[in-house]
PDB file of N, CA and C in Angstrom:
ATOM      1  N   MET A   1      25.287 -10.120  -5.412  1.00  0.00           N
ATOM      2  CA  MET A   1      24.652 -10.917  -4.393  1.00  0.00           C
ATOM      3  C   MET A   1      24.031 -12.032  -5.039  1.00  0.00           C
ATOM      4  N   THR A   2      24.118 -13.231  -4.377  1.00  0.00           N
ATOM      5  CA  THR A   2      23.611 -14.527  -5.072  1.00  0.00           C
ATOM      6  C   THR A   2      22.511 -15.027  -4.125  1.00  0.00           C
ATOM      7  N   GLY A   3      21.432 -15.491  -4.442  1.00  0.00           N
ATOM      8  CA  GLY A   3      20.380 -16.020  -3.656  1.00  0.00           C
ATOM      9  C   GLY A   3      19.621 -15.066  -2.700  1.00  0.00           C
ATOM     10  N   LYS A   4      18.889 -15.603  -1.923  1.00  0.00           N
ATOM     11  CA  LYS A   4      18.136 -14.976  -0.900  1.00  0.00           C
ATOM     12  C   LYS A   4      17.376 -13.638  -1.344  1.00  0.00           C
ATOM     13  N   THR A   5      16.870 -12.847  -0.459  1.00  0.00           N
ATOM     14  CA  THR A   5      15.976 -11.566  -0.742  1.00  0.00           C
ATOM     15  C   THR A   5      16.743 -10.452  -0.067  1.00  0.00           C
ATOM     16  N   LEU A   6      16.877  -9.330  -0.820  1.00  0.00           N
ATOM     17  CA  LEU A   6      17.291  -8.153  -0.356  1.00  0.00           C
ATOM     18  C   LEU A   6      16.052  -7.185  -0.100  1.00  0.00           C
ATOM     19  N   THR A   7      15.716  -6.802   1.098  1.00  0.00           N
ATOM     20  CA  THR A   7      14.534  -6.110   1.537  1.00  0.00           C
ATOM     21  C   THR A   7      15.029  -4.658   2.009  1.00  0.00           C
ATOM     22  N   LEU A   8      14.577  -3.633   1.313  1.00  0.00           N
ATOM     23  CA  LEU A   8      14.670  -2.172   1.740  1.00  0.00           C
ATOM     24  C   LEU A   8      13.237  -1.678   2.069  1.00  0.00           C
ATOM     25  N   VAL A   9      13.280  -1.251   3.338  1.00  0.00           N
ATOM     26  CA  VAL A   9      12.022  -0.599   3.994  1.00  0.00           C
ATOM     27  C   VAL A   9      12.325   0.918   3.897  1.00  0.00           C
ATOM     28  N   THR A  10      11.471   1.588   3.249  1.00  0.00           N
ATOM     29  CA  THR A  10      11.723   2.951   3.053  1.00  0.00           C
ATOM     30  C   THR A  10      10.427   3.808   3.524  1.00  0.00           C
ATOM     31  N   ARG A  11      10.745   5.020   3.418  1.00  0.00           N
ATOM     32  CA  ARG A  11       9.677   6.028   4.054  1.00  0.00           C
ATOM     33  C   ARG A  11       9.524   7.183   2.972  1.00  0.00           C
ATOM     34  N   PRO A  12       8.555   7.909   3.102  1.00  0.00           N
ATOM     35  CA  PRO A  12       8.364   8.994   1.987  1.00  0.00           C
ATOM     36  C   PRO A  12       9.649   9.981   2.019  1.00  0.00           C
ATOM     37  N   GLY A  13      10.218  10.245   0.796  1.00  0.00           N
ATOM     38  CA  GLY A  13      11.345  11.159   0.624  1.00  0.00           C
ATOM     39  C   GLY A  13      12.450  10.315   0.258  1.00  0.00           C
ATOM     40  N   ILE A  14      12.403   8.869   0.462  1.00  0.00           N
ATOM     41  CA  ILE A  14      13.543   8.079  -0.065  1.00  0.00           C
ATOM     42  C   ILE A  14      13.143   7.534  -1.294  1.00  0.00           C
ATOM     43  N   VAL A  15      14.184   7.618  -2.392  1.00  0.00           N
ATOM     44  CA  VAL A  15      14.016   7.017  -3.810  1.00  0.00           C
ATOM     45  C   VAL A  15      15.083   6.034  -3.857  1.00  0.00           C
ATOM     46  N   VAL A  16      14.463   4.910  -4.483  1.00  0.00           N
ATOM     47  CA  VAL A  16      15.492   3.742  -4.770  1.00  0.00           C
ATOM     48  C   VAL A  16      15.495   3.545  -6.271  1.00  0.00           C
ATOM     49  N   ASP A  17      16.778   3.657  -6.885  1.00  0.00           N
ATOM     50  CA  ASP A  17      16.917   3.520  -8.215  1.00  0.00           C
ATOM     51  C   ASP A  17      17.552   2.130  -8.534  1.00  0.00           C
ATOM     52  N   THR A  18      16.818   1.336  -9.222  1.00  0.00           N
ATOM     53  CA  THR A  18      17.272  -0.083  -9.551  1.00  0.00           C
ATOM     54  C   THR A  18      17.683  -0.340 -10.958  1.00  0.00           C
ATOM     55  N   ASP A  19      17.892   0.963 -11.750  1.00  0.00           N
ATOM     56  CA  ASP A  19      18.364   0.679 -13.069  1.00  0.00           C
ATOM     57  C   ASP A  19      19.650   0.342 -13.354  1.00  0.00           C
ATOM     58  N   GLY A  20      20.659   0.280 -12.415  1.00  0.00           N
ATOM     59  CA  GLY A  20      21.990  -0.166 -12.502  1.00  0.00           C
ATOM     60  C   GLY A  20      22.149  -1.554 -12.088  1.00  0.00           C
ATOM     61  N   LEU A  21      21.006  -2.258 -11.658  1.00  0.00           N
ATOM     62  CA  LEU A  21      21.050  -3.594 -11.321  1.00  0.00           C
ATOM     63  C   LEU A  21      20.922  -4.662 -12.402  1.00  0.00           C
ATOM     64  N   GLN A  22      21.787  -5.494 -12.497  1.00  0.00           N
ATOM     65  CA  GLN A  22      21.787  -6.695 -13.504  1.00  0.00           C
ATOM     66  C   GLN A  22      21.207  -7.773 -12.843  1.00  0.00           C
ATOM     67  N   LEU A  23      20.090  -8.256 -13.277  1.00  0.00           N
ATOM     68  CA  LEU A  23      19.275  -9.381 -12.742  1.00  0.00           C
ATOM     69  C   LEU A  23      19.502 -10.625 -13.516  1.00  0.00           C
ATOM     70  N   VAL A  24      19.791 -11.677 -12.761  1.00  0.00           N
ATOM     71  CA  VAL A  24      19.978 -13.108 -13.332  1.00  0.00           C
ATOM     72  C   VAL A  24      19.039 -13.977 -12.689  1.00  0.00           C
ATOM     73  N   HIS A  25      18.008 -14.447 -13.396  1.00  0.00           N
ATOM     74  CA  HIS A  25      16.871 -15.238 -12.765  1.00  0.00           C
ATOM     75  C   HIS A  25      16.541 -14.572 -11.388  1.00  0.00           C
ATOM     76  N   SER A  26      16.251 -13.296 -11.457  1.00  0.00           N
ATOM     77  CA  SER A  26      15.862 -12.540 -10.334  1.00  0.00           C
ATOM     78  C   SER A  26      14.578 -11.476 -10.606  1.00  0.00           C
ATOM     79  N   LYS A  27      13.960 -11.017  -9.565  1.00  0.00           N
ATOM     80  CA  LYS A  27      12.824 -10.139  -9.773  1.00  0.00           C
ATOM     81  C   LYS A  27      13.092  -8.878  -8.882  1.00  0.00           C
ATOM     82  N   VAL A  28      12.564  -7.882  -9.355  1.00  0.00           N
ATOM     83  CA  VAL A  28      12.661  -6.586  -8.402  1.00  0.00           C
ATOM     84  C   VAL A  28      10.992  -6.278  -8.174  1.00  0.00           C
ATOM     85  N   LYS A  29      10.584  -6.031  -7.004  1.00  0.00           N
ATOM     86  CA  LYS A  29       9.209  -5.702  -6.563  1.00  0.00           C
ATOM     87  C   LYS A  29       9.368  -4.397  -5.725  1.00  0.00           C
ATOM     88  N   TYR A  30       8.940  -3.253  -6.478  1.00  0.00           N
ATOM     89  CA  TYR A  30       8.887  -1.949  -5.961  1.00  0.00           C
ATOM     90  C   TYR A  30       7.472  -1.433  -5.518  1.00  0.00           C
ATOM     91  N   ARG A  31       7.277  -1.306  -4.194  1.00  0.00           N
ATOM     92  CA  ARG A  31       5.868  -0.904  -3.831  1.00  0.00           C
ATOM     93  C   ARG A  31       6.133   0.367  -3.143  1.00  0.00           C
ATOM     94  N   GLN A  32       5.435   1.555  -3.756  1.00  0.00           N
ATOM     95  CA  GLN A  32       5.485   2.733  -3.110  1.00  0.00           C
ATOM     96  C   GLN A  32       4.223   3.169  -2.519  1.00  0.00           C
ATOM     97  N   THR A  33       4.338   4.026  -1.370  1.00  0.00           N
ATOM     98  CA  THR A  33       2.999   4.529  -1.009  1.00  0.00           C
ATOM     99  C   THR A  33       2.792   5.691  -1.741  1.00  0.00           C
ATOM    100  N   PRO A  34       1.303   6.135  -1.916  1.00  0.00           N
ATOM    101  CA  PRO A  34       1.053   7.412  -2.495  1.00  0.00           C
ATOM    102  C   PRO A  34       1.662   8.655  -1.556  1.00  0.00           C
ATOM    103  N   ILE A  35       2.444   9.309  -2.206  1.00  0.00           N
ATOM    104  CA  ILE A  35       3.170  10.394  -1.578  1.00  0.00           C
ATOM    105  C   ILE A  35       2.812  11.788  -1.948  1.00  0.00           C
ATOM    106  N   ASN A  36       2.998  12.691  -1.194  1.00  0.00           N
ATOM    107  CA  ASN A  36       2.581  13.961  -1.394  1.00  0.00           C
ATOM    108  C   ASN A  36       3.690  14.649  -2.525  1.00  0.00           C
ATOM    109  N   PRO A  37       3.257  15.316  -3.664  1.00  0.00           N
ATOM    110  CA  PRO A  37       4.323  15.782  -4.543  1.00  0.00           C
ATOM    111  C   PRO A  37       5.071  16.780  -4.089  1.00  0.00           C
ATOM    112  N   HIS A  38       4.707  17.291  -2.999  1.00  0.00           N
ATOM    113  CA  HIS A  38       5.590  18.405  -2.240  1.00  0.00           C
ATOM    114  C   HIS A  38       6.562  17.870  -1.369  1.00  0.00           C
ATOM    115  N   THR A  39       6.696  16.473  -1.135  1.00  0.00           N
ATOM    116  CA  THR A  39       7.584  15.956  -0.221  1.00  0.00           C
ATOM    117  C   THR A  39       8.789  15.905  -1.005  1.00  0.00           C
ATOM    118  N   PRO A  40      10.044  16.563  -0.394  1.00  0.00           N
ATOM    119  CA  PRO A  40      11.395  16.577  -0.997  1.00  0.00           C
ATOM    120  C   PRO A  40      12.068  15.300  -0.909  1.00  0.00           C
ATOM    121  N   VAL A  41      12.893  14.877  -1.876  1.00  0.00           N
ATOM    122  CA  VAL A  41      13.788  13.771  -1.777  1.00  0.00           C
ATOM    123  C   VAL A  41      14.971  14.166  -0.804  1.00  0.00           C
ATOM    124  N   THR A  42      14.868  13.167   0.287  1.00  0.00           N
ATOM    125  CA  THR A  42      15.937  13.405   1.309  1.00  0.00           C
ATOM    126  C   THR A  42      17.030  12.470   0.934  1.00  0.00           C
ATOM    127  N   LEU A  43      16.883  11.308   0.516  1.00  0.00           N
ATOM    128  CA  LEU A  43      17.843  10.328   0.307  1.00  0.00           C
ATOM    129  C   LEU A  43      17.601   9.582  -1.045  1.00  0.00           C
ATOM    130  N   ARG A  44      18.553   9.433  -1.966  1.00  0.00           N
ATOM    131  CA  ARG A  44      18.585   8.567  -3.006  1.00  0.00           C
ATOM    132  C   ARG A  44      19.426   7.508  -3.078  1.00  0.00           C
ATOM    133  N   VAL A  45      18.756   6.042  -3.087  1.00  0.00           N
ATOM    134  CA  VAL A  45      19.565   5.012  -3.059  1.00  0.00           C
ATOM    135  C   VAL A  45      19.652   4.287  -4.308  1.00  0.00           C
ATOM    136  N   GLU A  46      20.767   4.222  -4.726  1.00  0.00           N
ATOM    137  CA  GLU A  46      21.129   3.535  -6.207  1.00  0.00           C
ATOM    138  C   GLU A  46      21.646   2.158  -6.216  1.00  0.00           C
ATOM    139  N   LEU A  47      20.949   1.226  -6.624  1.00  0.00           N
ATOM    140  CA  LEU A  47      21.493  -0.144  -6.507  1.00  0.00           C
ATOM    141  C   LEU A  47      22.228  -0.552  -7.757  1.00  0.00           C
ATOM    142  N   VAL A  48      23.480  -0.785  -7.606  1.00  0.00           N
ATOM    143  CA  VAL A  48      24.212  -1.149  -8.829  1.00  0.00           C
ATOM    144  C   VAL A  48      24.790  -2.578  -8.559  1.00  0.00           C
ATOM    145  N   GLY A  49      25.208  -3.269  -9.624  1.00  0.00           N
ATOM    146  CA  GLY A  49      25.973  -4.761  -9.473  1.00  0.00           C
ATOM    147  C   GLY A  49      24.960  -5.835 -10.085  1.00  0.00           C
ATOM    148  N   GLN A  50      25.311  -6.930  -9.575  1.00  0.00           N
ATOM    149  CA  GLN A  50      24.570  -8.113 -10.047  1.00  0.00           C
ATOM    150  C   GLN A  50      23.870  -8.688  -9.058  1.00  0.00           C
ATOM    151  N   LYS A  51      22.569  -9.312  -9.240  1.00  0.00           N
ATOM    152  CA  LYS A  51      21.795 -10.048  -8.391  1.00  0.00           C
ATOM    153  C   LYS A  51      21.322 -11.212  -8.950  1.00  0.00           C
ATOM    154  N   ALA A  52      21.721 -12.360  -8.552  1.00  0.00           N
ATOM    155  CA  ALA A  52      21.280 -13.670  -9.170  1.00  0.00           C
ATOM    156  C   ALA A  52      20.552 -14.602  -8.168  1.00  0.00           C
ATOM    157  N   HIS A  53      19.632 -15.107  -8.756  1.00  0.00           N
ATOM    158  CA  HIS A  53      18.749 -16.147  -8.044  1.00  0.00           C
ATOM    159  C   HIS A  53      18.154 -15.474  -6.688  1.00  0.00           C
ATOM    160  N   GLY A  54      17.537 -14.535  -6.774  1.00  0.00           N
ATOM    161  CA  GLY A  54      16.716 -14.058  -5.552  1.00  0.00           C
ATOM    162  C   GLY A  54      15.774 -12.870  -5.993  1.00  0.00           C
ATOM    163  N   ARG A  55      15.566 -12.159  -5.025  1.00  0.00           N
ATOM    164  CA  ARG A  55      14.612 -11.049  -5.234  1.00  0.00           C
ATOM    165  C   ARG A  55      15.173  -9.785  -4.446  1.00  0.00           C
ATOM    166  N   VAL A  56      14.721  -8.724  -5.176  1.00  0.00           N
ATOM    167  CA  VAL A  56      14.925  -7.222  -4.382  1.00  0.00           C
ATOM    168  C   VAL A  56      13.532  -6.705  -4.226  1.00  0.00           C
ATOM    169  N   VAL A  57      13.251  -6.544  -2.895  1.00  0.00           N
ATOM    170  CA  VAL A  57      11.905  -5.983  -2.583  1.00  0.00           C
ATOM    171  C   VAL A  57      12.174  -4.526  -1.881  1.00  0.00           C
ATOM    172  N   VAL A  58      11.369  -3.538  -2.431  1.00  0.00           N
ATOM    173  CA  VAL A  58      11.342  -2.261  -1.844  1.00  0.00           C
ATOM    174  C   VAL A  58      10.024  -1.985  -1.306  1.00  0.00           C
ATOM    175  N   ARG A  59       9.846  -1.585  -0.124  1.00  0.00           N
ATOM    176  CA  ARG A  59       8.655  -1.452   0.356  1.00  0.00           C
ATOM    177  C   ARG A  59       8.479  -0.306   1.452  1.00  0.00           C
ATOM    178  N   PRO A  60       7.365   0.105   1.807  1.00  0.00           N
ATOM    179  CA  PRO A  60       7.046   0.977   2.843  1.00  0.00           C
ATOM    180  C   PRO A  60       7.141   0.164   4.179  1.00  0.00           C
ATOM    181  N   PRO A  61       7.080   0.927   5.335  1.00  0.00           N
ATOM    182  CA  PRO A  61       6.978   0.186   6.504  1.00  0.00           C
ATOM    183  C   PRO A  61       5.503  -0.342   6.681  1.00  0.00           C
ATOM    184  N   ARG A  62       5.451  -1.532   7.388  1.00  0.00           N
ATOM    185  CA  ARG A  62       4.213  -2.011   7.793  1.00  0.00           C
ATOM    186  C   ARG A  62       3.410  -1.391   8.767  1.00  0.00           C
ATOM    187  N   ARG A  63       2.016  -1.530   8.813  1.00  0.00           N
ATOM    188  CA  ARG A  63       1.216  -0.871   9.772  1.00  0.00           C
ATOM    189  C   ARG A  63       1.424  -1.561  11.035  1.00  0.00           C
ATOM    190  N   THR A  64       1.215  -0.896  12.211  1.00  0.00           N
ATOM    191  CA  THR A  64       1.248  -1.588  13.467  1.00  0.00           C
ATOM    192  C   THR A  64      -0.120  -2.491  13.529  1.00  0.00           C
ATOM    193  N   PHE A  65      -0.265  -3.307  14.844  1.00  0.00           N
ATOM    194  CA  PHE A  65      -1.442  -3.928  14.893  1.00  0.00           C
ATOM    195  C   PHE A  65      -2.623  -3.013  15.133  1.00  0.00           C
ATOM    196  N   GLY A  66      -2.314  -1.916  15.830  1.00  0.00           N
ATOM    197  CA  GLY A  66      -3.452  -1.032  16.022  1.00  0.00           C
ATOM    198  C   GLY A  66      -3.890  -0.399  15.065  1.00  0.00           C
ATOM    199  N   GLN A  67      -3.077   0.057  14.060  1.00  0.00           N
ATOM    200  CA  GLN A  67      -3.261   0.722  12.791  1.00  0.00           C
ATOM    201  C   GLN A  67      -4.177  -0.218  11.875  1.00  0.00           C
ATOM    202  N   TRP A  68      -3.722  -1.482  11.952  1.00  0.00           N
ATOM    203  CA  TRP A  68      -4.307  -2.490  11.132  1.00  0.00           C
ATOM    204  C   TRP A  68      -5.888  -2.691  11.713  1.00  0.00           C
ATOM    205  N   LEU A  69      -5.855  -2.834  12.992  1.00  0.00           N
ATOM    206  CA  LEU A  69      -7.112  -3.125  13.587  1.00  0.00           C
ATOM    207  C   LEU A  69      -8.127  -1.884  13.374  1.00  0.00           C
ATOM    208  N   LEU A  70      -7.714  -0.734  13.357  1.00  0.00           N
ATOM    209  CA  LEU A  70      -8.587   0.461  13.170  1.00  0.00           C
ATOM    210  C   LEU A  70      -8.460   0.715  11.672  1.00  0.00           C
ATOM    211  N   ARG A  71      -7.972   0.015  10.764  1.00  0.00           N
ATOM    212  CA  ARG A  71      -8.006   0.206   9.262  1.00  0.00           C
ATOM    213  C   ARG A  71      -7.400   1.604   9.021  1.00  0.00           C
ATOM    214  N   ARG A  72      -6.343   1.984   9.697  1.00  0.00           N
ATOM    215  CA  ARG A  72      -5.583   3.351   9.410  1.00  0.00           C
ATOM    216  C   ARG A  72      -4.426   3.077   8.618  1.00  0.00           C
ATOM    217  N   ARG A  73      -3.966   3.960   7.723  1.00  0.00           N
ATOM    218  CA  ARG A  73      -2.635   3.941   7.068  1.00  0.00           C
ATOM    219  C   ARG A  73      -1.514   4.079   7.960  1.00  0.00           C
ATOM    220  N   ALA A  74      -0.271   3.487   7.587  1.00  0.00           N
ATOM    221  CA  ALA A  74       0.835   3.740   8.441  1.00  0.00           C
ATOM    222  C   ALA A  74       1.171   5.237   8.457  1.00  0.00           C
ATOM    223  N   SER A  75       1.524   5.722   9.428  1.00  0.00           N
ATOM    224  CA  SER A  75       1.838   7.245   9.570  1.00  0.00           C
ATOM    225  C   SER A  75       3.226   7.378   9.082  1.00  0.00           C
ATOM    226  N   PRO A  76       3.534   8.422   8.356  1.00  0.00           N
ATOM    227  CA  PRO A  76       4.982   8.729   7.827  1.00  0.00           C
ATOM    228  C   PRO A  76       5.846   8.808   8.852  1.00  0.00           C
ATOM    229  N   SER A  77       5.472   9.217  10.012  1.00  0.00           N
ATOM    230  CA  SER A  77       6.545   9.521  11.102  1.00  0.00           C
ATOM    231  C   SER A  77       6.800   8.300  11.838  1.00  0.00           C
ATOM    232  N   ALA A  78       6.239   7.156  11.641  1.00  0.00           N
ATOM    233  CA  ALA A  78       6.550   5.926  12.394  1.00  0.00           C
ATOM    234  C   ALA A  78       7.624   5.373  12.188  1.00  0.00           C
ATOM    235  N   GLY A  79       8.555   5.491  11.137  1.00  0.00           N
ATOM    236  CA  GLY A  79       9.841   5.006  10.675  1.00  0.00           C
ATOM    237  C   GLY A  79      10.736   6.002  11.249  1.00  0.00           C
ATOM    238  N   ALA A  80      10.549   7.166  11.515  1.00  0.00           N
ATOM    239  CA  ALA A  80      11.433   8.229  11.913  1.00  0.00           C
ATOM    240  C   ALA A  80      11.888   8.132  13.235  1.00  0.00           C
TER     241      ALA A  80
END
């Protein structure tokens, strides 16, 4: 992939492995939510290949406006 940003929105139980990705003038930003150690891994995503001139962002889902307003964390079932 050349240019642009690849954004992966994940939920608890999804693991993204970026070790097989070759980066050329690119960055990887991997933000994880604090997870329960008893949460089973339901899906493993392995990124392989070459990424040039762009970014790879792995992040949890954003909070809704109501959650933000009440200063609550995003619920794990919101993405399901």
